[in-house]
Amino acid sequence: MAESGLEPRLLGPHLRITNAVAGKVDFELDITKDHTNRLKIIHGGTIASMVDLGGSLAVASMGLYATGVSTDLNGEPKSSGHGETWL
């Protein structure tokens, strides 16, 4: 993440990689006020960034440095995340 532009600013020290094997990376994000919208639930942009980062980390775990560019992300929210929690 040292060379990245978005992730350190959006996710910063709140992101933890909890496990990594070839093709799969598990991580957690502490949800803070900066990750929420005006309704104080997790912002869709935060979720999209997590999905994008997760895909890139999984590709990188296979030894590939150039992970490509996301052109299409699909997701279906299951429940809202409130401040002072983690995903």
N, C-alpha and C. Protein backbone atom coordinates (compact mmCIF):
# COMPACT_ATOMS: atom_id res chain seq x y z
N MET A 1 0.82 -1.20 0.00
CA MET A 1 0.00 0.00 0.00
C MET A 1 0.86 1.25 0.00
N ALA A 2 2.14 1.12 0.20
CA ALA A 2 3.01 2.30 0.28
C ALA A 2 3.01 3.08 -1.02
N GLU A 3 2.80 2.41 -2.15
CA GLU A 3 2.84 3.09 -3.44
C GLU A 3 1.44 3.47 -3.94
N SER A 4 0.43 3.12 -3.20
CA SER A 4 -0.94 3.36 -3.63
C SER A 4 -1.39 4.77 -3.27
N GLY A 5 -2.37 5.27 -4.00
CA GLY A 5 -2.90 6.59 -3.71
C GLY A 5 -4.13 6.58 -2.83
N LEU A 6 -5.11 5.74 -3.17
CA LEU A 6 -6.41 5.77 -2.49
C LEU A 6 -6.41 5.01 -1.16
N GLU A 7 -5.94 3.79 -1.16
CA GLU A 7 -6.10 2.94 0.02
C GLU A 7 -5.52 3.54 1.29
N PRO A 8 -4.31 4.10 1.29
CA PRO A 8 -3.80 4.67 2.54
C PRO A 8 -4.66 5.81 3.08
N ARG A 9 -5.26 6.59 2.19
CA ARG A 9 -6.09 7.71 2.65
C ARG A 9 -7.46 7.24 3.11
N LEU A 10 -8.06 6.30 2.38
CA LEU A 10 -9.41 5.86 2.72
C LEU A 10 -9.41 4.83 3.85
N LEU A 11 -8.53 3.86 3.75
CA LEU A 11 -8.55 2.75 4.71
C LEU A 11 -7.49 2.89 5.78
N GLY A 12 -6.33 3.42 5.41
CA GLY A 12 -5.25 3.74 6.34
C GLY A 12 -4.95 2.68 7.38
N PRO A 13 -4.71 3.11 8.61
CA PRO A 13 -4.31 2.17 9.65
C PRO A 13 -5.47 1.31 10.15
N HIS A 14 -6.64 1.50 9.60
CA HIS A 14 -7.82 0.76 10.06
C HIS A 14 -7.95 -0.60 9.37
N LEU A 15 -7.10 -0.85 8.36
CA LEU A 15 -7.14 -2.09 7.59
C LEU A 15 -6.11 -3.08 8.13
N ARG A 16 -6.54 -4.33 8.34
CA ARG A 16 -5.64 -5.39 8.79
C ARG A 16 -5.80 -6.61 7.90
N ILE A 17 -4.69 -7.11 7.37
CA ILE A 17 -4.71 -8.39 6.67
C ILE A 17 -4.60 -9.47 7.74
N THR A 18 -5.58 -10.36 7.77
CA THR A 18 -5.63 -11.38 8.82
C THR A 18 -5.13 -12.74 8.35
N ASN A 19 -5.14 -12.97 7.05
CA ASN A 19 -4.66 -14.23 6.50
C ASN A 19 -4.41 -14.05 5.01
N ALA A 20 -3.39 -14.71 4.51
CA ALA A 20 -3.10 -14.64 3.08
C ALA A 20 -2.49 -15.96 2.63
N VAL A 21 -3.11 -16.55 1.62
CA VAL A 21 -2.58 -17.73 0.94
C VAL A 21 -2.74 -17.47 -0.55
N ALA A 22 -2.11 -18.26 -1.36
CA ALA A 22 -2.18 -18.06 -2.81
C ALA A 22 -3.64 -18.02 -3.28
N GLY A 23 -4.03 -16.90 -3.83
CA GLY A 23 -5.37 -16.74 -4.38
C GLY A 23 -6.43 -16.24 -3.41
N LYS A 24 -6.08 -16.07 -2.14
CA LYS A 24 -7.08 -15.62 -1.16
C LYS A 24 -6.41 -14.77 -0.08
N VAL A 25 -7.00 -13.63 0.18
CA VAL A 25 -6.52 -12.73 1.23
C VAL A 25 -7.72 -12.31 2.07
N ASP A 26 -7.64 -12.52 3.37
CA ASP A 26 -8.68 -12.09 4.30
C ASP A 26 -8.21 -10.81 4.98
N PHE A 27 -9.11 -9.84 5.09
CA PHE A 27 -8.75 -8.62 5.79
C PHE A 27 -9.95 -8.06 6.52
N GLU A 28 -9.69 -7.21 7.49
CA GLU A 28 -10.72 -6.55 8.28
C GLU A 28 -10.52 -5.04 8.19
N LEU A 29 -11.59 -4.33 8.32
CA LEU A 29 -11.53 -2.87 8.34
C LEU A 29 -12.34 -2.36 9.52
N ASP A 30 -11.69 -1.60 10.40
CA ASP A 30 -12.42 -0.91 11.46
C ASP A 30 -13.20 0.22 10.81
N ILE A 31 -14.49 0.28 11.04
CA ILE A 31 -15.33 1.31 10.43
C ILE A 31 -15.31 2.54 11.34
N THR A 32 -14.88 3.65 10.77
CA THR A 32 -14.86 4.92 11.50
C THR A 32 -15.82 5.90 10.82
N LYS A 33 -15.95 7.07 11.38
CA LYS A 33 -16.83 8.10 10.82
C LYS A 33 -16.47 8.40 9.36
N ASP A 34 -15.18 8.34 9.03
CA ASP A 34 -14.74 8.62 7.67
C ASP A 34 -15.26 7.61 6.65
N HIS A 35 -15.70 6.45 7.10
CA HIS A 35 -16.18 5.39 6.21
C HIS A 35 -17.70 5.38 6.07
N THR A 36 -18.38 6.33 6.71
CA THR A 36 -19.84 6.31 6.73
C THR A 36 -20.43 7.48 5.93
N ASN A 37 -21.72 7.39 5.70
CA ASN A 37 -22.43 8.46 5.00
C ASN A 37 -23.17 9.33 6.03
N ARG A 38 -23.99 10.22 5.55
CA ARG A 38 -24.68 11.15 6.45
C ARG A 38 -25.69 10.45 7.36
N LEU A 39 -26.07 9.21 7.01
CA LEU A 39 -26.98 8.43 7.86
C LEU A 39 -26.21 7.61 8.90
N LYS A 40 -24.89 7.77 8.89
CA LYS A 40 -23.99 7.09 9.83
C LYS A 40 -23.96 5.58 9.62
N ILE A 41 -24.15 5.16 8.37
CA ILE A 41 -23.97 3.76 7.99
C ILE A 41 -22.85 3.71 6.96
N ILE A 42 -22.28 2.54 6.78
CA ILE A 42 -21.13 2.44 5.90
C ILE A 42 -21.48 2.94 4.49
N HIS A 43 -20.60 3.73 3.94
CA HIS A 43 -20.80 4.34 2.62
C HIS A 43 -20.56 3.29 1.54
N GLY A 44 -21.38 3.33 0.50
CA GLY A 44 -21.22 2.39 -0.61
C GLY A 44 -19.85 2.48 -1.26
N GLY A 45 -19.27 3.67 -1.25
CA GLY A 45 -17.92 3.83 -1.81
C GLY A 45 -16.88 3.09 -0.99
N THR A 46 -17.08 3.02 0.32
CA THR A 46 -16.17 2.25 1.17
C THR A 46 -16.27 0.77 0.84
N ILE A 47 -17.49 0.29 0.68
CA ILE A 47 -17.68 -1.12 0.33
C ILE A 47 -17.06 -1.42 -1.03
N ALA A 48 -17.30 -0.55 -2.01
CA ALA A 48 -16.74 -0.77 -3.34
C ALA A 48 -15.21 -0.77 -3.29
N SER A 49 -14.63 0.10 -2.49
CA SER A 49 -13.17 0.14 -2.36
C SER A 49 -12.65 -1.14 -1.73
N MET A 50 -13.38 -1.66 -0.75
CA MET A 50 -12.96 -2.91 -0.12
C MET A 50 -13.04 -4.08 -1.10
N VAL A 51 -14.09 -4.13 -1.90
CA VAL A 51 -14.23 -5.18 -2.91
C VAL A 51 -13.09 -5.09 -3.92
N ASP A 52 -12.82 -3.88 -4.39
CA ASP A 52 -11.76 -3.67 -5.37
C ASP A 52 -10.40 -4.06 -4.79
N LEU A 53 -10.12 -3.62 -3.58
CA LEU A 53 -8.84 -3.95 -2.93
C LEU A 53 -8.73 -5.45 -2.70
N GLY A 54 -9.81 -6.07 -2.26
CA GLY A 54 -9.78 -7.52 -2.02
C GLY A 54 -9.43 -8.30 -3.28
N GLY A 55 -10.00 -7.91 -4.41
CA GLY A 55 -9.68 -8.57 -5.68
C GLY A 55 -8.22 -8.37 -6.05
N SER A 56 -7.74 -7.15 -5.89
CA SER A 56 -6.34 -6.86 -6.21
C SER A 56 -5.38 -7.63 -5.30
N LEU A 57 -5.70 -7.72 -4.02
CA LEU A 57 -4.85 -8.47 -3.09
C LEU A 57 -4.83 -9.95 -3.43
N ALA A 58 -5.98 -10.50 -3.84
CA ALA A 58 -6.03 -11.91 -4.21
C ALA A 58 -5.16 -12.17 -5.44
N VAL A 59 -5.21 -11.29 -6.43
CA VAL A 59 -4.36 -11.42 -7.62
C VAL A 59 -2.89 -11.29 -7.23
N ALA A 60 -2.59 -10.30 -6.40
CA ALA A 60 -1.20 -10.08 -5.97
C ALA A 60 -0.67 -11.26 -5.17
N SER A 61 -1.55 -11.96 -4.44
CA SER A 61 -1.10 -13.10 -3.65
C SER A 61 -0.63 -14.26 -4.53
N MET A 62 -0.92 -14.17 -5.81
CA MET A 62 -0.45 -15.18 -6.76
C MET A 62 0.90 -14.79 -7.36
N GLY A 63 1.47 -13.69 -6.86
CA GLY A 63 2.79 -13.27 -7.32
C GLY A 63 2.77 -12.28 -8.46
N LEU A 64 1.59 -11.74 -8.78
CA LEU A 64 1.47 -10.79 -9.88
C LEU A 64 1.47 -9.37 -9.33
N TYR A 65 2.39 -8.55 -9.81
CA TYR A 65 2.47 -7.18 -9.33
C TYR A 65 1.40 -6.31 -9.98
N ALA A 66 1.25 -6.40 -11.30
CA ALA A 66 0.25 -5.61 -12.03
C ALA A 66 -1.08 -6.34 -11.93
N THR A 67 -1.95 -5.84 -11.08
CA THR A 67 -3.21 -6.54 -10.80
C THR A 67 -4.34 -6.14 -11.73
N GLY A 68 -4.10 -5.20 -12.63
CA GLY A 68 -5.12 -4.81 -13.59
C GLY A 68 -5.97 -3.65 -13.09
N VAL A 69 -7.02 -3.36 -13.83
CA VAL A 69 -7.91 -2.25 -13.53
C VAL A 69 -9.33 -2.78 -13.42
N SER A 70 -10.01 -2.44 -12.36
CA SER A 70 -11.41 -2.84 -12.20
C SER A 70 -12.27 -1.98 -13.10
N THR A 71 -13.09 -2.63 -13.91
CA THR A 71 -13.98 -1.88 -14.79
C THR A 71 -15.45 -2.09 -14.43
N ASP A 72 -15.74 -3.11 -13.62
CA ASP A 72 -17.12 -3.40 -13.28
C ASP A 72 -17.16 -4.08 -11.91
N LEU A 73 -17.84 -3.48 -10.96
CA LEU A 73 -18.02 -4.06 -9.62
C LEU A 73 -19.51 -4.22 -9.36
N ASN A 74 -19.89 -5.38 -8.87
CA ASN A 74 -21.27 -5.62 -8.50
C ASN A 74 -21.32 -6.06 -7.05
N GLY A 75 -22.29 -5.58 -6.32
CA GLY A 75 -22.42 -5.98 -4.93
C GLY A 75 -23.86 -5.86 -4.49
N GLU A 76 -24.19 -6.59 -3.45
CA GLU A 76 -25.54 -6.54 -2.90
C GLU A 76 -25.43 -6.36 -1.39
N PRO A 77 -25.84 -5.19 -0.88
CA PRO A 77 -25.73 -4.97 0.57
C PRO A 77 -26.63 -5.93 1.33
N LYS A 78 -26.10 -6.43 2.44
CA LYS A 78 -26.86 -7.36 3.29
C LYS A 78 -27.39 -6.67 4.54
N SER A 79 -26.59 -5.77 5.09
CA SER A 79 -27.03 -5.00 6.25
C SER A 79 -26.12 -3.78 6.37
N SER A 80 -26.56 -2.83 7.14
CA SER A 80 -25.78 -1.61 7.29
C SER A 80 -24.74 -1.78 8.39
N GLY A 81 -23.58 -1.17 8.18
CA GLY A 81 -22.54 -1.17 9.19
C GLY A 81 -22.51 0.19 9.86
N HIS A 82 -22.60 0.24 11.14
CA HIS A 82 -22.57 1.49 11.87
C HIS A 82 -21.18 1.75 12.40
N GLY A 83 -20.92 3.00 12.77
CA GLY A 83 -19.63 3.37 13.32
C GLY A 83 -19.23 2.50 14.50
N GLU A 84 -17.94 2.47 14.78
CA GLU A 84 -17.40 1.68 15.89
C GLU A 84 -17.62 0.18 15.71
N THR A 85 -17.51 -0.29 14.49
CA THR A 85 -17.61 -1.72 14.21
C THR A 85 -16.54 -2.07 13.20
N TRP A 86 -16.49 -3.31 12.74
CA TRP A 86 -15.53 -3.70 11.72
C TRP A 86 -16.18 -4.66 10.75
N LEU A 87 -15.64 -4.70 9.54
CA LEU A 87 -16.12 -5.63 8.52
C LEU A 87 -14.98 -6.51 8.09
